[in-house]
C-alpha atoms as a PDB file:
ATOM      1  CA  MET A   1       0.000   0.000   0.000  1.00  0.00           C
ATOM      2  CA  ASP A   2       1.460   3.306  -1.115  1.00  0.00           C
ATOM      3  CA  GLY A   3       0.179   6.260   0.860  1.00  0.00           C
ATOM      4  CA  ASN A   4       0.856   8.486  -2.163  1.00  0.00           C
ATOM      5  CA  ASP A   5      -1.423   6.597  -4.584  1.00  0.00           C
ATOM      6  CA  PRO A   6      -3.947   9.184  -5.822  1.00  0.00           C
ATOM      7  CA  HIS A   7      -6.087   6.680  -7.760  1.00  0.00           C
ATOM      8  CA  ILE A   8      -9.537   5.412  -6.944  1.00  0.00           C
ATOM      9  CA  HIS A   9      -9.672   1.624  -7.321  1.00  0.00           C
ATOM     10  CA  VAL A  10     -12.291  -1.139  -7.336  1.00  0.00           C
ATOM     11  CA  GLU A  11     -12.356  -3.985  -4.849  1.00  0.00           C
ATOM     12  CA  SER A  12     -11.197  -7.272  -6.330  1.00  0.00           C
ATOM     13  CA  THR A  13     -14.736  -8.539  -5.697  1.00  0.00           C
ATOM     14  CA  VAL A  14     -16.363  -5.618  -7.518  1.00  0.00           C
ATOM     15  CA  VAL A  15     -19.388  -7.607  -8.721  1.00  0.00           C
ATOM     16  CA  HIS A  16     -20.126  -8.917  -5.231  1.00  0.00           C
ATOM     17  CA  ASP A  17     -20.385  -5.516  -3.583  1.00  0.00           C
ATOM     18  CA  HIS A  18     -19.900  -6.024   0.150  1.00  0.00           C
ATOM     19  CA  GLY A  19     -21.474  -2.645   0.878  1.00  0.00           C
ATOM     20  CA  ALA A  20     -24.765  -3.812  -0.636  1.00  0.00           C
ATOM     21  CA  VAL A  21     -24.645  -7.023   1.397  1.00  0.00           C
ATOM     22  CA  ARG A  22     -23.954  -4.987   4.522  1.00  0.00           C
ATOM     23  CA  ASN A  23     -26.984  -2.779   3.781  1.00  0.00           C
ATOM     24  CA  VAL A  24     -29.275  -5.806   3.405  1.00  0.00           C
ATOM     25  CA  ILE A  25     -28.050  -7.296   6.690  1.00  0.00           C
ATOM     26  CA  THR A  26     -28.471  -3.967   8.432  1.00  0.00           C
ATOM     27  CA  SER A  27     -32.002  -3.425   7.145  1.00  0.00           C
ATOM     28  CA  THR A  28     -33.021  -7.030   7.854  1.00  0.00           C
ATOM     29  CA  PHE A  29     -31.501  -7.612  11.273  1.00  0.00           C
ATOM     30  CA  GLY A  30     -30.668  -4.138  12.531  1.00  0.00           C
ATOM     31  CA  LEU A  31     -27.000  -5.120  12.842  1.00  0.00           C
ATOM     32  CA  ALA A  32     -24.181  -3.281  11.127  1.00  0.00           C
ATOM     33  CA  ALA A  33     -20.892  -5.068  10.618  1.00  0.00           C
ATOM     34  CA  ASP A  34     -17.742  -3.008  10.344  1.00  0.00           C
ATOM     35  CA  LEU A  35     -16.421  -2.481   6.843  1.00  0.00           C
ATOM     36  CA  PRO A  36     -12.822  -3.484   6.282  1.00  0.00           C
ATOM     37  CA  THR A  37     -10.342  -0.625   6.510  1.00  0.00           C
ATOM     38  CA  ILE A  38      -7.936  -2.100   3.937  1.00  0.00           C
ATOM     39  CA  VAL A  39      -9.089  -4.073   0.857  1.00  0.00           C
ATOM     40  CA  THR A  40      -7.464  -5.839  -2.067  1.00  0.00           C
ATOM     41  CA  THR A  41      -8.161  -4.128  -5.362  1.00  0.00           C
ATOM     42  CA  GLY A  42      -8.616  -5.340  -8.910  1.00  0.00           C
ATOM     43  CA  CYS A  43      -5.049  -4.295  -9.725  1.00  0.00           C
ATOM     44  CA  GLY A  44      -3.684  -6.272  -6.773  1.00  0.00           C
ATOM     45  CA  LEU A  45      -2.875  -3.381  -4.440  1.00  0.00           C
ATOM     46  CA  ARG A  46      -4.123  -3.202  -0.875  1.00  0.00           C
ATOM     47  CA  VAL A  47      -5.596   0.230  -0.262  1.00  0.00           C
ATOM     48  CA  PRO A  48      -7.916   1.911   2.239  1.00  0.00           C
ATOM     49  CA  TYR A  49     -11.562   1.029   1.583  1.00  0.00           C
ATOM     50  CA  ALA A  50     -12.241   4.765   1.255  1.00  0.00           C
ATOM     51  CA  MET A  51     -10.053   4.788  -1.890  1.00  0.00           C
ATOM     52  CA  THR A  52     -12.360   2.353  -3.727  1.00  0.00           C
ATOM     53  CA  SER A  53     -15.620   2.700  -5.597  1.00  0.00           C
ATOM     54  CA  PRO A  54     -17.869   0.340  -7.572  1.00  0.00           C
ATOM     55  CA  ARG A  55     -18.943   3.265  -9.791  1.00  0.00           C
ATOM     56  CA  PRO A  56     -17.260   3.464 -13.223  1.00  0.00           C
ATOM     57  CA  ASP A  57     -17.295   7.266 -13.229  1.00  0.00           C
ATOM     58  CA  ARG A  58     -15.181   7.356 -10.054  1.00  0.00           C
ATOM     59  CA  VAL A  59     -12.506   4.701 -10.732  1.00  0.00           C
ATOM     60  CA  THR A  60      -9.268   6.220 -12.028  1.00  0.00           C
ATOM     61  CA  CYS A  61      -6.944   3.184 -11.886  1.00  0.00           C
ATOM     62  CA  LEU A  62      -6.840   1.782 -15.427  1.00  0.00           C
ATOM     63  CA  ALA A  63      -5.952  -1.737 -14.298  1.00  0.00           C
ATOM     64  CA  CYS A  64      -8.905  -1.713 -11.892  1.00  0.00           C
ATOM     65  CA  ARG A  65     -11.198  -0.461 -14.643  1.00  0.00           C
ATOM     66  CA  GLU A  66     -10.153  -3.402 -16.836  1.00  0.00           C
ATOM     67  CA  HIS A  67     -10.583  -5.828 -13.936  1.00  0.00           C
ATOM     68  CA  ALA A  68     -14.092  -4.515 -13.274  1.00  0.00           C
ATOM     69  CA  ARG A  69     -14.989  -4.628 -16.980  1.00  0.00           C
ATOM     70  CA  LEU A  70     -14.004  -8.277 -17.243  1.00  0.00           C
ATOM     71  CA  ALA A  71     -15.672  -9.188 -13.938  1.00  0.00           C
ATOM     72  CA  HIS A  72     -18.993  -7.673 -15.033  1.00  0.00           C
ATOM     73  CA  LEU A  73     -18.816  -9.411 -18.425  1.00  0.00           C
ATOM     74  CA  ARG A  74     -18.102 -12.780 -16.759  1.00  0.00           C
ATOM     75  CA  PHE A  75     -20.964 -12.259 -14.323  1.00  0.00           C
ATOM     76  CA  ALA A  76     -23.382 -11.418 -17.161  1.00  0.00           C
ATOM     77  CA  GLU A  77     -22.379 -14.618 -18.977  1.00  0.00           C
ATOM     78  CA  ASP A  78     -22.731 -16.671 -15.789  1.00  0.00           C
ATOM     79  CA  VAL A  79     -26.212 -15.305 -15.064  1.00  0.00           C
ATOM     80  CA  GLU A  80     -27.400 -16.117 -18.580  1.00  0.00           C
ATOM     81  CA  ARG A  81     -25.821 -19.565 -18.572  1.00  0.00           C
ATOM     82  CA  LEU A  82     -27.259 -20.476 -15.183  1.00  0.00           C
ATOM     83  CA  SER A  83     -30.739 -19.272 -16.164  1.00  0.00           C
ATOM     84  CA  ARG A  84     -30.755 -21.745 -19.075  1.00  0.00           C
ATOM     85  CA  MET A  85     -29.893 -24.726 -16.889  1.00  0.00           C
ATOM     86  CA  PRO A  86     -32.680 -27.237 -16.222  1.00  0.00           C
ATOM     87  CA  GLY A  87     -34.275 -26.615 -12.848  1.00  0.00           C
ATOM     88  CA  SER A  88     -32.870 -23.100 -12.490  1.00  0.00           C
ATOM     89  CA  ILE A  89     -34.859 -20.907 -10.127  1.00  0.00           C
ATOM     90  CA  VAL A  90     -33.974 -17.884 -12.284  1.00  0.00           C
ATOM     91  CA  SER A  91     -35.781 -17.707 -15.618  1.00  0.00           C
ATOM     92  CA  THR A  92     -34.188 -16.382 -18.785  1.00  0.00           C
ATOM     93  CA  ASP A  93     -36.674 -13.482 -18.632  1.00  0.00           C
ATOM     94  CA  GLN A  94     -35.342 -12.580 -15.187  1.00  0.00           C
ATOM     95  CA  ALA A  95     -31.712 -13.071 -16.202  1.00  0.00           C
ATOM     96  CA  GLU A  96     -31.810 -10.875 -19.301  1.00  0.00           C
ATOM     97  CA  PRO A  97     -32.109  -7.484 -17.534  1.00  0.00           C
ATOM     98  CA  VAL A  98     -29.488  -8.483 -14.957  1.00  0.00           C
ATOM     99  CA  ALA A  99     -27.050  -9.537 -17.677  1.00  0.00           C
ATOM    100  CA  ALA A 100     -27.798  -6.364 -19.637  1.00  0.00           C
ATOM    101  CA  ARG A 101     -27.116  -4.205 -16.574  1.00  0.00           C
ATOM    102  CA  HIS A 102     -23.741  -5.861 -16.002  1.00  0.00           C
ATOM    103  CA  ARG A 103     -22.815  -5.563 -19.687  1.00  0.00           C
ATOM    104  CA  ASP A 104     -23.699  -1.872 -19.460  1.00  0.00           C
ATOM    105  CA  LEU A 105     -21.454  -1.502 -16.413  1.00  0.00           C
ATOM    106  CA  ALA A 106     -18.675  -3.335 -18.259  1.00  0.00           C
ATOM    107  CA  GLU A 107     -19.029  -0.875 -21.135  1.00  0.00           C
ATOM    108  CA  LYS A 108     -18.861   2.070 -18.744  1.00  0.00           C
ATOM    109  CA  PHE A 109     -15.682   0.679 -17.176  1.00  0.00           C
ATOM    110  CA  SER A 110     -14.151   0.366 -20.655  1.00  0.00           C
ATOM    111  CA  ASP A 111     -14.587   4.084 -21.269  1.00  0.00           C
ATOM    112  CA  ALA A 112     -11.199   5.710 -20.691  1.00  0.00           C
ATOM    113  CA  GLU A 113     -12.681   8.804 -19.070  1.00  0.00           C
ATOM    114  CA  GLY A 114     -12.095   7.533 -15.524  1.00  0.00           C
END
């Protein structure tokens, strides 16, 4: 971890946003777990959680942007593939908008404006 790193990164688990999970647990059970202070990023660095964002318009680390782009594309493919499996509890009609949303996020991460 370099204290002089000015970039905003994504967590290595960008698709599985821990903040969203924390919010669900908090709203369901009234308990709030502490967020980690240091996280591993898509580019492999360990940085303060405050220096990360899941939003494409905020991430400035190019390696993290590429990591997030690929992660969202893989997730979209997985959702579609799993929805087509026999016995899946997620229909293809339900999977399509989810996959489209993650492909859209992947496209936004590929924009070099970050």
